[in-house]
Amino acid sequence: MDDADTNCKTHPDAPHGFMRDASHSAGRYVCECESWEPPKEKQKPVAYITGFHNGHCVIQPTDPAVVLPVGMALYRAPREWVGLTDEEMGEVVNRLQQQVEKPAE
């Protein structure tokens, strides 16, 4: 098998390693990096809410040359999941136990 059979990515953070099942199915060496994607760039805000006027938000674009059309939808950036604290996990367990122990009506 020569290097032409591998599709390794050259990104410095790409993981490299032999994927046994995938290699067997493909009939060639399959590296972990083939299904890896580099992390996406963090998005920058396009506008800020600067106040309220007559009960409506006033939105100021971060770049004054950008025109935000009327009716344009603005979305909140998704939050990164950080897991539950021990306290939150305890609350979940307690609620589940209460549901299981609750007598049937």
Protein backbone atom coordinates (compact mmCIF):
# COMPACT_ATOMS: atom_id res chain seq x y z
CA MET A 1 0.00 0.00 0.00
CA ASP A 2 1.43 3.38 -0.95
CA ASP A 3 0.73 6.94 0.22
CA ALA A 4 -1.66 7.50 -2.71
CA ASP A 5 -4.16 5.18 -0.97
CA THR A 6 -4.42 7.40 2.13
CA ASN A 7 -6.55 10.52 2.36
CA CYS A 8 -4.87 12.08 5.40
CA LYS A 9 -5.60 15.70 6.21
CA THR A 10 -2.64 17.99 6.76
CA HIS A 11 -4.22 20.20 9.46
CA PRO A 12 -1.90 20.23 12.52
CA ASP A 13 -4.79 19.39 14.91
CA ALA A 14 -6.13 16.48 12.85
CA PRO A 15 -6.09 13.17 14.74
CA HIS A 16 -4.27 10.32 13.02
CA GLY A 17 -4.77 6.67 13.68
CA PHE A 18 -5.75 3.40 12.06
CA MET A 19 -9.50 2.74 11.89
CA ARG A 20 -9.69 -1.04 11.72
CA ASP A 21 -13.38 -1.59 10.81
CA ALA A 22 -13.51 1.27 8.30
CA SER A 23 -10.26 0.09 6.70
CA HIS A 24 -11.59 -3.45 6.41
CA SER A 25 -14.85 -2.25 4.83
CA ALA A 26 -13.08 0.11 2.39
CA GLY A 27 -10.35 -2.35 1.51
CA ARG A 28 -7.69 0.29 2.21
CA TYR A 29 -6.05 2.14 5.10
CA VAL A 30 -8.55 4.57 6.64
CA CYS A 31 -7.20 7.22 8.99
CA GLU A 32 -9.17 8.93 11.81
CA CYS A 33 -8.53 12.30 10.20
CA GLU A 34 -10.64 11.46 7.13
CA SER A 35 -13.89 12.09 9.05
CA TRP A 36 -12.47 14.92 11.19
CA GLU A 37 -13.34 18.57 10.51
CA PRO A 38 -11.43 21.55 11.90
CA PRO A 39 -13.31 23.61 14.49
CA LYS A 40 -15.52 26.32 13.07
CA GLU A 41 -14.53 29.93 13.55
CA LYS A 42 -16.36 31.64 16.36
CA GLN A 43 -19.04 33.86 14.88
CA LYS A 44 -18.84 37.59 15.41
CA PRO A 45 -21.90 39.69 16.21
CA VAL A 46 -23.51 41.56 13.32
CA ALA A 47 -25.48 43.95 15.53
CA TYR A 48 -26.22 45.01 19.09
CA ILE A 49 -29.43 46.13 20.76
CA THR A 50 -28.72 49.70 21.80
CA GLY A 51 -32.03 50.56 23.43
CA PHE A 52 -35.78 50.78 23.00
CA HIS A 53 -37.98 53.30 21.21
CA ASN A 54 -41.80 53.23 21.27
CA GLY A 55 -41.69 49.68 22.64
CA HIS A 56 -39.34 48.34 19.94
CA CYS A 57 -35.69 47.36 20.08
CA VAL A 58 -33.18 49.68 18.44
CA ILE A 59 -30.57 47.60 16.66
CA GLN A 60 -27.17 49.01 15.69
CA PRO A 61 -25.07 47.03 13.15
CA THR A 62 -21.44 46.54 14.18
CA ASP A 63 -20.39 47.60 10.68
CA PRO A 64 -22.09 50.88 9.68
CA ALA A 65 -21.70 49.96 5.99
CA VAL A 66 -23.98 46.93 6.46
CA VAL A 67 -27.67 47.46 5.87
CA LEU A 68 -29.92 45.14 7.87
CA PRO A 69 -33.17 44.77 5.94
CA VAL A 70 -36.50 45.27 7.70
CA GLY A 71 -37.79 41.90 8.89
CA MET A 72 -34.36 40.24 8.96
CA ALA A 73 -34.27 37.43 11.52
CA LEU A 74 -31.48 37.59 14.07
CA TYR A 75 -30.52 34.43 15.95
CA ARG A 76 -28.79 33.86 19.25
CA ALA A 77 -25.54 31.91 19.01
CA PRO A 78 -25.94 28.35 20.32
CA ARG A 79 -24.52 27.78 23.78
CA GLU A 80 -21.84 25.18 24.32
CA TRP A 81 -22.96 22.28 26.54
CA VAL A 82 -20.84 22.08 29.69
CA GLY A 83 -22.62 19.26 31.50
CA LEU A 84 -24.52 19.12 34.77
CA THR A 85 -23.07 20.04 38.14
CA ASP A 86 -23.24 17.47 40.94
CA GLU A 87 -26.06 19.48 42.49
CA GLU A 88 -28.07 19.51 39.24
CA MET A 89 -27.47 15.78 38.79
CA GLY A 90 -28.79 15.17 42.32
CA GLU A 91 -31.93 17.17 41.53
CA VAL A 92 -32.56 15.08 38.41
CA VAL A 93 -32.09 11.82 40.33
CA ASN A 94 -34.44 13.00 43.10
CA ARG A 95 -37.14 13.97 40.61
CA LEU A 96 -36.84 10.63 38.82
CA GLN A 97 -37.07 8.76 42.13
CA GLN A 98 -40.20 10.75 43.05
CA GLN A 99 -41.77 9.85 39.71
CA VAL A 100 -40.96 6.15 40.13
CA GLU A 101 -42.19 6.04 43.76
CA LYS A 102 -45.40 7.99 42.99
CA PRO A 103 -48.41 5.72 43.48
CA ALA A 104 -50.54 5.07 40.39
CA GLU A 105 -53.86 6.91 40.42
